[in-house]
């Protein structure tokens, strides 16, 4: 029995990205950016590195995944955060506003985890 042909999602993603870049700024997906911390991690890595490929290496993930996550975050927020060019990416004014807030999220998440784990050790489970 022959194996089913698996089509790459890259052309679909690129068509989506092209449509998104040239179309109106409306959310591509439903939801909120806080539901996936990976969106913030990808955005921050691209903001730090200036290149999707370098950010992907930092995150140990495929470059298309970093691109897709940034596009998804822009879609959820309804604004462009990064200007893409042949020499990398630059932050827009909105992107510059997001960076300091996004940098606080991982620290805040760690504090929540530590507080809950500490409270869990002190409180008996019934």
C-alpha atoms as a PDB file:
ATOM      1  CA  UNK A   1       0.000   0.000   0.000  1.00  0.00           C
ATOM      2  CA  UNK A   2       1.550   3.375  -0.985  1.00  0.00           C
ATOM      3  CA  UNK A   3       2.072   5.999   1.679  1.00  0.00           C
ATOM      4  CA  UNK A   4      -0.333   8.944   1.508  1.00  0.00           C
ATOM      5  CA  UNK A   5       1.167  12.097   0.021  1.00  0.00           C
ATOM      6  CA  UNK A   6       1.776  14.724   2.698  1.00  0.00           C
ATOM      7  CA  UNK A   7       1.709  18.251   1.383  1.00  0.00           C
ATOM      8  CA  UNK A   8       3.904  20.835   3.062  1.00  0.00           C
ATOM      9  CA  UNK A   9       2.114  23.512   5.058  1.00  0.00           C
ATOM     10  CA  UNK A  10       4.761  26.082   4.106  1.00  0.00           C
ATOM     11  CA  UNK A  11       2.981  27.275   0.917  1.00  0.00           C
ATOM     12  CA  UNK A  12      -0.272  27.649   2.855  1.00  0.00           C
ATOM     13  CA  UNK A  13       1.469  29.579   5.620  1.00  0.00           C
ATOM     14  CA  UNK A  14       3.230  31.810   3.111  1.00  0.00           C
ATOM     15  CA  UNK A  15      -0.050  32.524   1.305  1.00  0.00           C
ATOM     16  CA  UNK A  16      -1.616  33.369   4.666  1.00  0.00           C
ATOM     17  CA  UNK A  17       1.303  35.631   5.550  1.00  0.00           C
ATOM     18  CA  UNK A  18       1.217  37.363   2.148  1.00  0.00           C
ATOM     19  CA  UNK A  19      -2.534  37.899   2.461  1.00  0.00           C
ATOM     20  CA  UNK A  20      -2.110  39.155   6.002  1.00  0.00           C
ATOM     21  CA  UNK A  21       0.656  41.615   5.162  1.00  0.00           C
ATOM     22  CA  UNK A  22      -1.291  43.141   2.288  1.00  0.00           C
ATOM     23  CA  UNK A  23      -4.762  42.892   3.803  1.00  0.00           C
ATOM     24  CA  UNK A  24      -6.545  44.760   6.565  1.00  0.00           C
ATOM     25  CA  UNK A  25      -5.387  44.368  10.148  1.00  0.00           C
ATOM     26  CA  UNK A  26      -8.031  41.999  11.423  1.00  0.00           C
ATOM     27  CA  UNK A  27      -7.474  39.005  13.678  1.00  0.00           C
ATOM     28  CA  UNK A  28      -6.544  35.848  11.765  1.00  0.00           C
ATOM     29  CA  UNK A  29      -7.469  33.544  14.617  1.00  0.00           C
ATOM     30  CA  UNK A  30      -9.753  33.707  17.593  1.00  0.00           C
ATOM     31  CA  UNK A  31      -8.391  33.766  21.090  1.00  0.00           C
ATOM     32  CA  UNK A  32      -6.121  35.882  23.213  1.00  0.00           C
ATOM     33  CA  UNK A  33      -2.325  36.194  23.099  1.00  0.00           C
ATOM     34  CA  UNK A  34      -2.001  35.174  26.743  1.00  0.00           C
ATOM     35  CA  UNK A  35      -3.224  31.645  25.993  1.00  0.00           C
ATOM     36  CA  UNK A  36       0.044  30.659  24.333  1.00  0.00           C
ATOM     37  CA  UNK A  37       3.269  31.810  25.992  1.00  0.00           C
ATOM     38  CA  UNK A  38       5.075  30.483  22.913  1.00  0.00           C
ATOM     39  CA  UNK A  39       3.768  33.495  20.990  1.00  0.00           C
ATOM     40  CA  UNK A  40       5.520  35.863  23.374  1.00  0.00           C
ATOM     41  CA  UNK A  41       8.709  33.759  23.437  1.00  0.00           C
ATOM     42  CA  UNK A  42       8.878  33.763  19.626  1.00  0.00           C
ATOM     43  CA  UNK A  43       8.180  37.494  19.397  1.00  0.00           C
ATOM     44  CA  UNK A  44      10.799  38.343  22.029  1.00  0.00           C
ATOM     45  CA  UNK A  45      13.408  36.137  20.357  1.00  0.00           C
ATOM     46  CA  UNK A  46      12.808  37.838  16.989  1.00  0.00           C
ATOM     47  CA  UNK A  47      12.887  41.263  18.657  1.00  0.00           C
ATOM     48  CA  UNK A  48      16.238  40.412  20.323  1.00  0.00           C
ATOM     49  CA  UNK A  49      17.874  38.688  17.371  1.00  0.00           C
ATOM     50  CA  UNK A  50      16.499  40.762  14.502  1.00  0.00           C
ATOM     51  CA  UNK A  51      16.135  37.696  12.266  1.00  0.00           C
ATOM     52  CA  UNK A  52      13.587  34.881  12.236  1.00  0.00           C
ATOM     53  CA  UNK A  53      16.306  32.315  11.546  1.00  0.00           C
ATOM     54  CA  UNK A  54      18.429  33.441  14.506  1.00  0.00           C
ATOM     55  CA  UNK A  55      15.362  33.513  16.746  1.00  0.00           C
ATOM     56  CA  UNK A  56      14.454  29.987  15.626  1.00  0.00           C
ATOM     57  CA  UNK A  57      17.963  28.792  16.503  1.00  0.00           C
ATOM     58  CA  UNK A  58      17.665  30.403  19.949  1.00  0.00           C
ATOM     59  CA  UNK A  59      14.297  28.704  20.487  1.00  0.00           C
ATOM     60  CA  UNK A  60      15.463  25.441  18.888  1.00  0.00           C
ATOM     61  CA  UNK A  61      12.449  25.471  16.578  1.00  0.00           C
ATOM     62  CA  UNK A  62      11.893  25.740  12.821  1.00  0.00           C
ATOM     63  CA  UNK A  63      12.111  29.248  11.345  1.00  0.00           C
ATOM     64  CA  UNK A  64       8.591  28.960   9.912  1.00  0.00           C
ATOM     65  CA  UNK A  65       7.269  28.288  13.406  1.00  0.00           C
ATOM     66  CA  UNK A  66       8.765  31.557  14.697  1.00  0.00           C
ATOM     67  CA  UNK A  67       7.372  33.404  11.699  1.00  0.00           C
ATOM     68  CA  UNK A  68       3.940  31.842  12.168  1.00  0.00           C
ATOM     69  CA  UNK A  69       3.841  32.636  15.871  1.00  0.00           C
ATOM     70  CA  UNK A  70       4.732  36.272  15.272  1.00  0.00           C
ATOM     71  CA  UNK A  71       2.102  36.546  12.545  1.00  0.00           C
ATOM     72  CA  UNK A  72      -0.424  34.910  14.874  1.00  0.00           C
ATOM     73  CA  UNK A  73       0.406  37.356  17.659  1.00  0.00           C
ATOM     74  CA  UNK A  74       0.054  40.299  15.267  1.00  0.00           C
ATOM     75  CA  UNK A  75      -3.275  38.902  14.146  1.00  0.00           C
ATOM     76  CA  UNK A  76      -4.513  38.517  17.703  1.00  0.00           C
ATOM     77  CA  UNK A  77      -3.468  42.047  18.614  1.00  0.00           C
ATOM     78  CA  UNK A  78      -4.605  43.525  15.306  1.00  0.00           C
ATOM     79  CA  UNK A  79      -1.384  45.513  14.781  1.00  0.00           C
ATOM     80  CA  UNK A  80       1.934  45.028  13.047  1.00  0.00           C
ATOM     81  CA  UNK A  81       4.725  44.438  15.578  1.00  0.00           C
ATOM     82  CA  UNK A  82       7.625  43.784  13.210  1.00  0.00           C
ATOM     83  CA  UNK A  83       8.718  45.258   9.902  1.00  0.00           C
ATOM     84  CA  UNK A  84      10.216  42.512   7.787  1.00  0.00           C
ATOM     85  CA  UNK A  85      12.942  43.342   5.300  1.00  0.00           C
ATOM     86  CA  UNK A  86      15.820  41.741   3.419  1.00  0.00           C
ATOM     87  CA  UNK A  87      18.180  42.675   6.247  1.00  0.00           C
ATOM     88  CA  UNK A  88      16.100  41.277   9.074  1.00  0.00           C
ATOM     89  CA  UNK A  89      13.290  42.657  11.165  1.00  0.00           C
ATOM     90  CA  UNK A  90      12.769  45.859  13.074  1.00  0.00           C
ATOM     91  CA  UNK A  91      10.208  46.673  15.724  1.00  0.00           C
ATOM     92  CA  UNK A  92       7.323  48.958  14.920  1.00  0.00           C
ATOM     93  CA  UNK A  93       6.204  51.520  17.518  1.00  0.00           C
ATOM     94  CA  UNK A  94       3.639  48.970  18.693  1.00  0.00           C
ATOM     95  CA  UNK A  95       6.331  46.307  18.867  1.00  0.00           C
ATOM     96  CA  UNK A  96       8.478  48.559  21.028  1.00  0.00           C
ATOM     97  CA  UNK A  97       5.543  48.976  23.416  1.00  0.00           C
ATOM     98  CA  UNK A  98       5.001  45.214  23.624  1.00  0.00           C
ATOM     99  CA  UNK A  99       8.620  44.211  24.378  1.00  0.00           C
ATOM    100  CA  UNK A 100       8.929  45.465  27.991  1.00  0.00           C
ATOM    101  CA  UNK A 101       5.515  44.083  28.896  1.00  0.00           C
ATOM    102  CA  UNK A 102       6.213  40.750  27.218  1.00  0.00           C
ATOM    103  CA  UNK A 103       9.555  40.454  29.021  1.00  0.00           C
ATOM    104  CA  UNK A 104       7.732  40.540  32.371  1.00  0.00           C
ATOM    105  CA  UNK A 105       5.475  37.588  31.534  1.00  0.00           C
ATOM    106  CA  UNK A 106       7.964  34.689  31.910  1.00  0.00           C
ATOM    107  CA  UNK A 107       9.126  36.018  35.294  1.00  0.00           C
ATOM    108  CA  UNK A 108       5.535  36.443  36.437  1.00  0.00           C
ATOM    109  CA  UNK A 109       4.681  32.902  35.288  1.00  0.00           C
ATOM    110  CA  UNK A 110       7.657  31.500  37.231  1.00  0.00           C
ATOM    111  CA  UNK A 111       6.505  33.352  40.367  1.00  0.00           C
ATOM    112  CA  UNK A 112       3.025  31.844  40.008  1.00  0.00           C
ATOM    113  CA  UNK A 113       4.419  28.324  39.610  1.00  0.00           C
ATOM    114  CA  UNK A 114       6.738  28.681  42.608  1.00  0.00           C
ATOM    115  CA  UNK A 115       3.998  30.164  44.795  1.00  0.00           C
ATOM    116  CA  UNK A 116       1.522  27.414  43.926  1.00  0.00           C
ATOM    117  CA  UNK A 117       4.080  24.646  44.422  1.00  0.00           C
ATOM    118  CA  UNK A 118       5.123  26.108  47.770  1.00  0.00           C
ATOM    119  CA  UNK A 119       1.492  26.446  48.903  1.00  0.00           C
ATOM    120  CA  UNK A 120       0.803  22.883  47.695  1.00  0.00           C
ATOM    121  CA  UNK A 121       3.538  21.487  49.944  1.00  0.00           C
ATOM    122  CA  UNK A 122       2.119  23.267  52.961  1.00  0.00           C
ATOM    123  CA  UNK A 123      -1.539  22.461  52.372  1.00  0.00           C
ATOM    124  CA  UNK A 124      -2.652  18.855  52.740  1.00  0.00           C
ATOM    125  CA  UNK A 125      -4.633  17.483  49.845  1.00  0.00           C
ATOM    126  CA  UNK A 126      -8.025  16.172  50.936  1.00  0.00           C
END
